[in-house]
Protein backbone atom coordinates (compact mmCIF):
# COMPACT_ATOMS: atom_id res chain seq x y z
CA MET A 1 27.21 13.77 -19.03
CA GLY A 2 25.20 12.49 -22.02
CA PRO A 3 21.96 13.97 -23.25
CA ILE A 4 18.58 13.14 -21.72
CA ARG A 5 17.10 10.22 -23.62
CA PHE A 6 13.55 8.87 -23.29
CA GLY A 7 13.07 5.16 -23.86
CA THR A 8 9.81 3.22 -24.14
CA GLU A 9 8.70 4.35 -20.65
CA GLY A 10 10.42 7.64 -19.97
CA TRP A 11 13.95 8.66 -18.92
CA ARG A 12 16.15 6.43 -16.70
CA ALA A 13 19.69 6.97 -15.47
CA ILE A 14 22.04 6.16 -12.64
CA ILE A 15 21.60 8.22 -9.51
CA ALA A 16 24.44 10.77 -8.89
CA ASP A 17 25.81 10.03 -12.39
CA GLU A 18 23.31 11.41 -14.89
CA TYR A 19 20.34 11.28 -12.55
CA THR A 20 21.17 14.42 -10.60
CA PHE A 21 19.02 17.21 -9.15
CA HIS A 22 20.20 19.47 -11.94
CA ASN A 23 19.09 17.08 -14.68
CA VAL A 24 15.84 16.18 -12.96
CA ARG A 25 15.08 19.92 -12.71
CA GLY A 26 15.74 20.26 -16.45
CA VAL A 27 13.42 17.38 -17.31
CA ALA A 28 10.76 18.63 -14.86
CA ARG A 29 10.87 22.17 -16.29
CA ALA A 30 10.58 20.75 -19.85
CA THR A 31 7.59 18.72 -18.61
CA GLY A 32 5.94 21.77 -17.21
CA ARG A 33 6.43 23.57 -20.50
CA TRP A 34 4.90 20.63 -22.33
CA PHE A 35 1.85 20.84 -20.11
CA GLN A 36 1.69 24.57 -20.82
CA ARG A 37 1.90 23.82 -24.53
CA THR A 38 -1.11 21.57 -24.30
CA GLY A 39 -3.10 24.36 -22.68
CA ALA A 40 -3.40 22.54 -19.37
CA LYS A 41 -5.12 24.39 -16.54
CA ALA A 42 -5.88 21.48 -14.13
CA PRO A 43 -3.32 20.34 -11.56
CA VAL A 44 -0.40 18.06 -12.32
CA ALA A 45 0.22 15.15 -9.88
CA ILE A 46 3.75 14.10 -8.82
CA GLY A 47 4.61 10.66 -7.40
CA HIS A 48 7.66 8.63 -6.48
CA ASP A 49 8.50 5.11 -5.44
CA THR A 50 10.86 3.82 -2.65
CA ARG A 51 14.14 4.65 -4.38
CA PHE A 52 16.95 6.65 -2.79
CA LEU A 53 16.05 10.33 -2.36
CA GLY A 54 12.75 9.71 -4.19
CA HIS A 55 10.94 12.34 -2.04
CA ARG A 56 13.56 14.97 -2.74
CA PHE A 57 13.48 14.38 -6.45
CA ALA A 58 9.73 14.60 -6.37
CA GLN A 59 9.86 17.87 -4.45
CA VAL A 60 12.11 19.56 -7.00
CA THR A 61 9.99 18.19 -9.85
CA ALA A 62 6.92 19.69 -8.20
CA ASP A 63 8.76 23.02 -7.80
CA GLU A 64 9.78 23.21 -11.44
CA ILE A 65 6.36 22.29 -12.78
CA ALA A 66 4.73 24.83 -10.44
CA ALA A 67 7.17 27.43 -11.84
CA CYS A 68 5.37 26.96 -15.17
CA ASP A 69 2.22 28.45 -13.59
CA LEU A 70 0.62 25.04 -13.01
CA PRO A 71 -0.99 23.85 -9.76
CA VAL A 72 0.71 20.73 -8.41
CA HIS A 73 -0.41 17.85 -6.22
CA LEU A 74 2.45 16.01 -4.55
CA CYS A 75 2.16 12.48 -3.13
CA ALA A 76 2.32 12.10 0.67
CA GLY A 77 4.71 9.14 0.42
CA PRO A 78 5.85 6.35 -1.95
CA LEU A 79 3.08 4.94 -4.18
CA PRO A 80 2.70 2.64 -7.15
CA THR A 81 2.73 4.07 -10.67
CA PRO A 82 -0.76 2.84 -11.40
CA ALA A 83 -2.00 4.55 -8.19
CA LEU A 84 -0.73 7.81 -9.56
CA ASP A 85 -2.47 7.03 -12.89
CA PHE A 86 -5.67 6.31 -11.04
CA TYR A 87 -5.43 9.57 -9.05
CA ILE A 88 -4.96 11.58 -12.25
CA VAL A 89 -8.01 10.02 -13.95
CA ARG A 90 -10.30 10.07 -10.88
CA ASN A 91 -9.60 13.76 -10.25
CA HIS A 92 -9.60 14.93 -13.88
CA LEU A 93 -6.04 16.29 -13.62
CA ALA A 94 -3.89 17.48 -16.54
CA GLY A 95 -1.53 14.58 -16.08
CA GLY A 96 1.52 13.86 -13.94
CA ALA A 97 5.08 12.80 -13.44
CA MET A 98 6.17 9.61 -11.74
CA LEU A 99 9.75 9.36 -10.45
CA THR A 100 10.64 5.63 -10.74
CA ALA A 101 12.98 3.32 -12.57
CA SER A 102 10.32 0.61 -12.26
CA HIS A 103 12.08 -2.79 -12.35
CA ASN A 104 15.64 -1.48 -12.90
CA LEU A 105 18.44 -1.95 -10.40
CA ALA A 106 18.61 0.16 -7.22
CA GLU A 107 21.27 2.55 -8.57
CA TYR A 108 18.77 3.81 -11.22
CA ASN A 109 15.93 6.23 -11.01
CA GLY A 110 13.69 7.53 -13.71
CA PHE A 111 11.05 10.02 -14.83
CA LYS A 112 7.72 9.02 -16.50
CA VAL A 113 5.43 11.72 -17.82
CA LYS A 114 1.72 10.92 -17.64
CA ARG A 115 -1.18 12.09 -19.76
CA ALA A 116 -4.60 12.98 -18.47
CA GLU A 117 -5.90 9.54 -19.48
CA GLY A 118 -3.54 7.87 -17.03
CA CYS A 119 -0.94 6.54 -19.39
CA SER A 120 2.54 7.54 -20.41
CA VAL A 121 2.96 10.27 -23.02
CA PHE A 122 3.15 9.08 -26.58
CA THR A 123 6.31 8.93 -28.71
CA ASP A 124 6.13 12.35 -30.31
CA GLU A 125 5.22 13.95 -26.98
CA ALA A 126 8.15 12.27 -25.20
CA LYS A 127 10.47 13.43 -27.99
CA TRP A 128 9.35 17.06 -27.51
CA ILE A 129 9.99 16.89 -23.77
CA GLU A 130 13.36 15.21 -24.31
CA GLU A 131 14.49 17.88 -26.79
CA GLU A 132 13.24 20.69 -24.61
CA ALA A 133 15.08 19.26 -21.58
CA ASN A 134 18.35 18.96 -23.52
CA ASP A 135 18.04 22.52 -24.81
CA LEU A 136 17.48 23.75 -21.28
CA LEU A 137 20.42 21.79 -19.87
CA GLU A 138 22.80 22.79 -22.67
CA ALA A 139 22.05 26.53 -22.53
CA GLU A 140 25.08 28.64 -21.74
CA ALA A 141 23.34 30.96 -19.28
CA PRO A 142 22.78 29.56 -15.76
CA HIS A 143 19.27 28.42 -15.15
CA ALA A 144 17.07 30.12 -12.55
CA TRP A 145 15.64 26.91 -11.09
CA ALA A 146 12.53 27.22 -8.90
CA ALA A 147 12.72 27.67 -5.13
CA ARG A 148 11.18 25.15 -2.79
CA LYS A 149 7.38 25.51 -2.49
CA GLU A 150 4.56 23.90 -0.52
CA HIS A 151 2.20 21.87 -2.68
CA THR A 152 -1.15 20.16 -2.13
CA ARG A 153 -0.47 16.71 -0.68
CA PHE A 154 -2.52 13.67 -1.53
CA ASP A 155 -2.94 10.12 -0.27
CA VAL A 156 -4.79 7.91 -2.73
CA ARG A 157 -4.41 4.45 -1.17
CA ASP A 158 -7.91 3.82 0.22
CA ASP A 159 -9.69 5.16 -2.91
CA TYR A 160 -7.35 3.24 -5.17
CA VAL A 161 -7.71 -0.05 -3.35
CA ALA A 162 -11.49 0.35 -3.17
CA ALA A 163 -11.60 0.94 -6.96
CA LEU A 164 -9.58 -2.25 -7.60
CA LEU A 165 -11.84 -4.33 -5.35
CA SER A 166 -14.86 -3.04 -7.25
CA LEU A 167 -13.32 -4.59 -10.40
CA THR A 168 -12.80 -7.94 -8.62
CA ASP A 169 -15.17 -10.79 -7.58
CA VAL A 170 -14.36 -10.39 -3.93
CA LYS A 171 -17.22 -12.74 -2.90
CA ALA A 172 -15.57 -15.58 -4.82
CA ILE A 173 -12.18 -14.94 -3.24
CA ARG A 174 -13.54 -14.75 0.26
CA LYS A 175 -15.55 -17.93 -0.25
CA ALA A 176 -12.41 -19.75 -1.47
CA ASN A 177 -10.50 -18.66 1.67
CA LEU A 178 -7.25 -18.46 -0.30
CA THR A 179 -3.78 -18.43 1.21
CA VAL A 180 -1.63 -16.17 -0.88
CA VAL A 181 2.12 -15.47 -0.89
CA ALA A 182 2.56 -11.81 -1.85
CA ASP A 183 6.06 -10.56 -2.67
CA MET A 184 6.44 -6.74 -3.04
CA MET A 185 10.23 -6.80 -3.47
CA HIS A 186 10.65 -3.80 -1.10
CA GLY A 187 9.06 -1.55 -3.69
CA ALA A 188 6.12 0.91 -3.73
CA GLY A 189 3.58 -1.98 -3.56
CA GLY A 190 4.04 -2.23 0.18
CA GLY A 191 0.86 -1.03 1.88
CA PHE A 192 -1.04 -1.18 -1.42
CA PHE A 193 -0.50 -4.63 -2.96
CA ASP A 194 -0.76 -6.56 0.34
CA VAL A 195 -3.59 -4.40 1.66
CA ALA A 196 -5.66 -4.96 -1.45
CA LEU A 197 -5.26 -8.72 -1.17
CA GLU A 198 -6.14 -8.65 2.58
CA ARG A 199 -9.22 -6.60 1.94
CA ALA A 200 -10.28 -8.99 -0.76
CA GLY A 201 -10.31 -11.72 1.92
CA CYS A 202 -7.01 -13.45 1.22
CA ASN A 203 -4.82 -14.92 3.96
CA VAL A 204 -1.70 -13.01 3.00
CA ARG A 205 1.85 -14.26 3.67
CA ALA A 206 3.71 -11.02 2.89
CA VAL A 207 7.27 -11.00 1.60
CA ARG A 208 9.54 -7.98 1.37
CA GLY A 209 6.79 -5.48 2.10
CA ALA A 210 8.97 -2.90 3.85
CA PRO A 211 10.43 -0.16 1.71
CA ASP A 212 14.19 -0.51 0.95
CA PRO A 213 15.96 1.75 -1.56
CA THR A 214 18.56 -1.03 -2.18
CA PHE A 215 15.99 -3.75 -2.73
CA GLU A 216 18.26 -6.00 -0.66
CA GLY A 217 20.77 -5.59 -3.46
CA ARG A 218 18.51 -7.58 -5.78
CA HIS A 219 16.85 -6.77 -9.12
CA PRO A 220 13.24 -5.60 -8.33
CA GLU A 221 11.73 -7.42 -11.34
CA PRO A 222 9.17 -10.15 -10.55
CA VAL A 223 10.83 -12.99 -12.49
CA GLY A 224 12.11 -16.34 -11.35
CA PRO A 225 15.71 -15.65 -10.31
CA ASN A 226 14.55 -12.65 -8.23
CA LEU A 227 11.73 -14.46 -6.39
CA VAL A 228 13.59 -17.41 -4.84
CA GLN A 229 12.24 -16.92 -1.31
CA SER A 230 8.61 -16.44 -2.28
CA VAL A 231 8.66 -19.19 -4.91
CA ALA A 232 9.91 -21.59 -2.24
CA MET A 233 7.05 -20.54 0.02
CA THR A 234 4.47 -21.59 -2.55
CA ALA A 235 5.67 -25.22 -2.21
CA ASP A 236 3.64 -25.34 1.08
CA PRO A 237 0.45 -27.33 0.25
CA ALA A 238 -1.52 -24.78 2.27
CA VAL A 239 -0.60 -22.00 -0.22
CA ASP A 240 -3.02 -21.65 -3.11
CA ILE A 241 -1.14 -19.10 -5.24
CA GLY A 242 1.81 -16.70 -5.16
CA VAL A 243 1.80 -13.23 -6.69
CA ALA A 244 4.53 -10.62 -6.95
CA THR A 245 5.07 -7.08 -8.15
CA ASP A 246 8.06 -4.89 -9.08
CA GLY A 247 9.63 -1.71 -7.79
CA ASP A 248 6.78 0.58 -8.72
CA ALA A 249 4.02 -2.13 -8.57
CA ASP A 250 2.97 -1.97 -12.20
CA ARG A 251 4.28 -5.43 -13.21
CA PHE A 252 3.06 -8.85 -12.19
CA GLY A 253 4.64 -12.23 -11.48
CA LEU A 254 2.87 -15.59 -10.82
CA MET A 255 4.07 -18.47 -8.66
CA ALA A 256 2.52 -21.80 -7.59
CA HIS A 257 3.57 -25.26 -6.38
CA GLY A 258 7.12 -24.11 -5.58
CA GLU A 259 7.62 -22.87 -9.15
CA TYR A 260 7.82 -19.56 -10.95
CA MET A 261 5.23 -19.53 -13.73
CA ASP A 262 6.85 -17.58 -16.54
CA VAL A 263 5.06 -14.47 -17.79
CA MET A 264 3.52 -16.24 -20.78
CA ARG A 265 1.81 -18.74 -18.46
CA ALA A 266 0.69 -15.83 -16.34
CA ILE A 267 -0.78 -14.14 -19.35
CA VAL A 268 -2.84 -17.15 -20.53
CA TYR A 269 -3.89 -17.93 -16.96
CA VAL A 270 -5.41 -14.43 -16.46
CA LEU A 271 -6.77 -14.25 -20.01
CA TYR A 272 -8.40 -17.71 -19.83
CA HIS A 273 -10.26 -16.62 -16.71
CA LEU A 274 -11.51 -13.38 -18.35
CA LEU A 275 -12.70 -15.14 -21.48
CA LYS A 276 -14.08 -18.35 -19.96
CA ASN A 277 -15.29 -17.49 -16.47
CA ARG A 278 -16.21 -13.83 -16.84
CA GLY A 279 -17.40 -14.46 -20.36
CA TRP A 280 -15.84 -11.25 -21.72
CA LYS A 281 -15.85 -10.63 -25.49
CA GLY A 282 -13.84 -8.12 -27.41
CA THR A 283 -10.28 -7.10 -28.11
CA VAL A 284 -7.03 -8.34 -26.67
CA VAL A 285 -4.01 -6.07 -27.22
CA LYS A 286 -0.64 -7.81 -27.15
CA ALA A 287 2.99 -6.69 -27.72
CA VAL A 288 4.76 -8.41 -30.53
CA ASP A 289 6.99 -10.37 -28.09
CA VAL A 290 4.03 -12.18 -26.44
CA SER A 291 3.32 -15.95 -26.75
CA SER A 292 1.40 -17.41 -29.67
CA MET A 293 -0.60 -19.29 -27.02
CA LEU A 294 -2.52 -16.04 -26.51
CA ASP A 295 -3.56 -15.99 -30.15
CA ARG A 296 -4.80 -19.56 -30.01
CA LEU A 297 -6.73 -18.91 -26.84
CA CYS A 298 -8.36 -15.84 -28.38
CA GLU A 299 -9.22 -17.81 -31.51
CA HIS A 300 -10.97 -20.46 -29.40
CA TYR A 301 -13.13 -17.87 -27.54
CA GLY A 302 -13.69 -15.57 -30.49
CA ALA A 303 -11.70 -12.58 -29.26
CA GLU A 304 -9.89 -10.23 -31.64
CA VAL A 305 -6.11 -9.82 -31.26
CA VAL A 306 -4.37 -6.52 -31.99
CA GLU A 307 -0.55 -6.57 -32.03
CA THR A 308 1.68 -3.57 -31.21
CA SER A 309 5.34 -2.80 -30.84
CA VAL A 310 6.94 -3.08 -27.37
CA GLY A 311 6.13 -0.40 -24.77
CA PHE A 312 2.90 0.15 -22.92
CA ARG A 313 2.49 3.68 -24.31
CA ASN A 314 2.02 2.02 -27.74
CA MET A 315 -0.45 -0.41 -26.33
CA ALA A 316 -2.32 2.45 -24.53
CA GLN A 317 -3.13 4.04 -27.87
CA GLU A 318 -4.79 0.87 -29.05
CA MET A 319 -6.59 0.48 -25.72
CA MET A 320 -8.09 3.95 -26.01
CA ARG A 321 -9.27 3.21 -29.51
CA SER A 322 -11.05 0.02 -28.34
CA SER A 323 -14.60 0.15 -26.96
CA ASP A 324 -14.48 -3.52 -25.87
CA LEU A 325 -10.99 -4.10 -24.42
CA VAL A 326 -10.56 -7.33 -22.55
CA LEU A 327 -6.87 -7.26 -21.77
CA ALA A 328 -3.59 -5.63 -22.86
CA VAL A 329 -0.39 -7.48 -22.13
CA GLU A 330 3.34 -7.28 -22.63
CA GLU A 331 6.23 -9.67 -22.11
CA SER A 332 7.71 -7.75 -19.18
CA GLY A 333 4.78 -8.58 -16.94
CA GLY A 334 2.52 -5.63 -17.76
CA PHE A 335 -1.26 -6.24 -17.71
CA ALA A 336 -4.06 -3.76 -18.23
CA ILE A 337 -7.60 -4.99 -17.58
CA ARG A 338 -10.97 -3.68 -18.79
CA GLY A 339 -12.56 -0.92 -16.68
CA HIS A 340 -9.39 0.48 -15.21
CA ILE A 341 -6.62 2.84 -16.41
CA PRO A 342 -5.00 2.40 -19.86
CA ASP A 343 -1.73 1.30 -18.20
CA ARG A 344 -0.42 -1.79 -16.49
CA ASP A 345 -1.31 -2.51 -12.83
CA GLY A 346 0.39 -5.27 -10.85
CA THR A 347 -2.13 -5.12 -8.00
CA LEU A 348 -5.26 -5.49 -10.11
CA THR A 349 -3.63 -8.30 -12.00
CA ALA A 350 -2.80 -10.11 -8.70
CA LEU A 351 -6.42 -9.73 -7.59
CA THR A 352 -7.65 -11.08 -10.89
CA ALA A 353 -5.27 -14.07 -10.70
CA CYS A 354 -6.58 -14.82 -7.15
CA GLU A 355 -10.10 -14.59 -8.49
CA ALA A 356 -9.19 -17.03 -11.25
CA ARG A 357 -7.79 -19.49 -8.66
CA ALA A 358 -10.93 -19.09 -6.53
CA VAL A 359 -13.42 -19.52 -9.44
CA GLU A 360 -11.54 -22.43 -11.03
CA GLY A 361 -11.37 -24.13 -7.60
CA LYS A 362 -8.33 -26.20 -8.51
CA PRO A 363 -4.55 -25.85 -8.46
CA VAL A 364 -2.93 -23.42 -10.85
CA ARG A 365 -1.07 -26.22 -12.65
CA ASP A 366 -4.37 -28.02 -13.39
CA THR A 367 -5.91 -24.92 -14.96
CA LEU A 368 -2.81 -24.42 -17.02
CA ALA A 369 -3.03 -27.99 -18.23
CA ASP A 370 -6.62 -27.20 -19.41
CA ILE A 371 -5.34 -24.15 -21.24
CA PHE A 372 -2.49 -26.07 -22.94
CA ALA A 373 -5.06 -28.60 -24.16
CA LEU A 374 -7.09 -25.76 -25.74
CA VAL A 375 -4.11 -24.10 -27.50
CA GLY A 376 -2.61 -27.17 -29.03
CA GLY A 377 0.06 -27.97 -26.47
CA GLU A 378 2.37 -26.29 -24.06
CA ARG A 379 4.91 -23.75 -25.30
CA PHE A 380 8.00 -22.57 -23.42
CA TYR A 381 9.48 -19.14 -23.20
CA ASP A 382 12.57 -17.30 -21.96
CA ARG A 383 14.46 -13.99 -22.50
CA LEU A 384 18.14 -13.24 -22.67
CA ASP A 385 19.45 -9.70 -22.11
CA PHE A 386 22.70 -9.61 -24.10
CA ARG A 387 24.88 -6.67 -22.96
CA ILE A 388 26.90 -4.97 -25.68
CA THR A 389 29.19 -1.94 -26.06
CA ALA A 390 28.16 1.44 -27.43
CA PRO A 391 30.01 0.80 -30.78
CA GLN A 392 28.36 -2.60 -30.99
CA ARG A 393 24.99 -1.00 -30.38
CA GLU A 394 25.56 1.31 -33.33
CA GLN A 395 26.43 -1.70 -35.52
CA VAL A 396 23.28 -3.62 -34.50
CA ALA A 397 21.12 -0.52 -34.98
CA ALA A 398 22.45 -0.06 -38.49
CA LYS A 399 22.25 -3.69 -39.62
CA LEU A 400 19.31 -5.39 -37.81
CA ASP A 401 16.71 -4.17 -40.26
CA ALA A 402 18.41 -5.99 -43.11
CA LEU A 403 19.24 -9.18 -41.17
CA ALA A 404 17.27 -12.00 -42.90
CA PRO A 405 18.80 -15.45 -42.09
CA ASP A 406 17.59 -18.54 -43.97
CA THR A 407 17.77 -20.58 -40.78
CA VAL A 408 17.41 -19.91 -37.04
CA ALA A 409 18.93 -22.38 -34.57
CA GLY A 410 19.42 -24.92 -37.33
CA ARG A 411 15.90 -24.77 -38.81
CA LYS A 412 14.28 -22.87 -41.61
CA ALA A 413 12.95 -19.33 -40.91
CA THR A 414 9.60 -18.97 -42.65
CA ASP A 415 8.69 -15.37 -41.88
CA ILE A 416 10.06 -12.16 -40.35
CA ASN A 417 8.01 -9.67 -38.33
CA ARG A 418 9.76 -6.32 -38.21
CA MET A 419 7.20 -4.41 -36.17
CA ASP A 420 9.80 -3.90 -33.44
CA GLY A 421 13.31 -5.16 -34.07
CA ALA A 422 13.17 -8.54 -35.88
CA LYS A 423 11.09 -11.61 -34.97
CA TYR A 424 12.06 -14.76 -36.89
CA LEU A 425 9.35 -17.45 -37.09
CA ARG A 426 9.79 -21.08 -37.92
CA GLU A 427 7.27 -23.52 -39.52
CA ASP A 428 5.97 -24.86 -36.21
CA GLY A 429 5.20 -21.39 -34.90
CA THR A 430 8.30 -21.21 -32.64
CA TRP A 431 10.24 -17.98 -32.84
CA VAL A 432 13.15 -15.86 -31.70
CA MET A 433 13.02 -12.04 -31.53
CA LEU A 434 15.92 -9.50 -31.43
CA ARG A 435 15.27 -5.99 -30.17
CA LEU A 436 17.57 -3.17 -29.00
CA SER A 437 16.66 -1.80 -25.59
CA GLY A 438 15.46 1.76 -25.72
CA THR A 439 17.40 2.74 -22.55
CA ASP A 440 20.20 0.24 -21.90
CA PRO A 441 23.25 -0.93 -23.88
CA LEU A 442 21.86 -4.38 -24.59
CA VAL A 443 19.97 -6.50 -27.08
CA ARG A 444 16.88 -8.26 -25.75
CA ILE A 445 16.57 -11.76 -27.20
CA TYR A 446 13.15 -13.41 -26.73
CA ALA A 447 12.29 -16.97 -27.66
CA GLU A 448 9.30 -19.33 -27.63
CA GLY A 449 9.87 -23.02 -28.29
CA MET A 450 8.42 -26.48 -27.99
CA SER A 451 10.64 -27.40 -25.01
CA PRO A 452 13.11 -25.71 -22.61
CA GLU A 453 15.89 -27.18 -24.71
CA ASP A 454 14.32 -25.69 -27.85
CA VAL A 455 14.14 -22.26 -26.18
CA HIS A 456 17.76 -22.48 -25.12
CA SER A 457 18.81 -23.29 -28.72
CA LEU A 458 16.73 -20.37 -30.05
CA LEU A 459 18.32 -17.93 -27.59
CA GLU A 460 21.79 -19.14 -28.47
CA GLY A 461 20.87 -18.85 -32.14
CA GLY A 462 19.65 -15.28 -31.59
CA ARG A 463 22.87 -14.37 -29.82
CA ASP A 464 24.93 -15.83 -32.69
CA LEU A 465 22.94 -13.64 -35.16
CA ILE A 466 23.75 -10.54 -33.11
CA VAL A 467 27.45 -11.41 -32.72
CA GLY A 468 27.60 -11.90 -36.47
CA LEU A 469 26.74 -8.24 -36.95
CA PHE A 470 29.83 -7.02 -35.07
CA GLY A 471 32.81 -5.94 -37.19
CA GLU A 472 31.30 -6.72 -40.53
């Protein structure tokens, strides 16, 4: 087995391969020692999603952290990651651990360590836990892992949903009498995501709300190819909007008119509402792979933009520095909204999108047309996950920092942003970005263009740049 390795949002591995009870115990014990190192005295909360044996992995995690002389609160059943974050903050706990692989395939599970502020641990903290776990697991002497214990159980659903509704214009949603398609993808959002929408006054047409560790054999990420059934349901003229969330309910997907609205459209749709209709002023935090439409929208309304590298833990640090946060967003469907936790929340984002539809009082496509007129025209976006071998990954890691092509997809590259990987910009503001995944053997290729054809050309051009690094 390989060493434990934390990516941008914790450790992830294949169940029964590297994600074993033995390894989970090692990571949990290291996590407990990290909390000890911080001087923590308050309880640590443990949560899990709907993945295979999630409750068992959560139990041994709780046992190991308790063995570090820390009180533990263990969830009563599957819950969204942001619900755990909320519980930590609301009850002034030391932090927590969430057992989830988020939007990864069903054979994966993962381990996210949470700070007292309700966000994932920062890079140096994750590195300490990673190294401590590997030291524990590589020790020659057998480990005396903790025995099973009884822990304080918690159920946060009602308090969590009530808090989200307090951040939402429920009166506007009820007045609009919205019909909403809500796809939970068989993840931890079931019983949270749909319940919040119902309590806000939506007529909810729920899709895949029942827990299923296999996710019906599909990828539990709320993007177009994985939302075929719910996208089709939004073609019904009676449906006002469609919303979706992922395996641990921290990501958000937007649908309307029988179409999946890509994440960049979802971002500007939500942001437009916050800036125009709520009249919020302040700072918008965006990951480097987010659409330039956001920058133009912020310029129009006088909001400041702060750019970060990919990973919500990086964005959380900027959020906690800001006294006037409006929104923090990333390309993978993560949204954090003012007044809540410094982490993404798919349910609050869905409520806000429904509020936008209610307040605008017109179809989603018409509001998007207004936005495109403000930002100088519509832009198109897509992402390609290019799988590579381990030796190829080493080659890309060694050479990407120096890769500086004169042209990208047949046109001149005018600038390079190396905040995270390499983002190549062209004169008209279109771009392609290349970034190694922190956890998987693949290169993520992101592109924004003037047309779908332009985006396709940029993605192909990005792949050609990566292939050119092999074997040189």
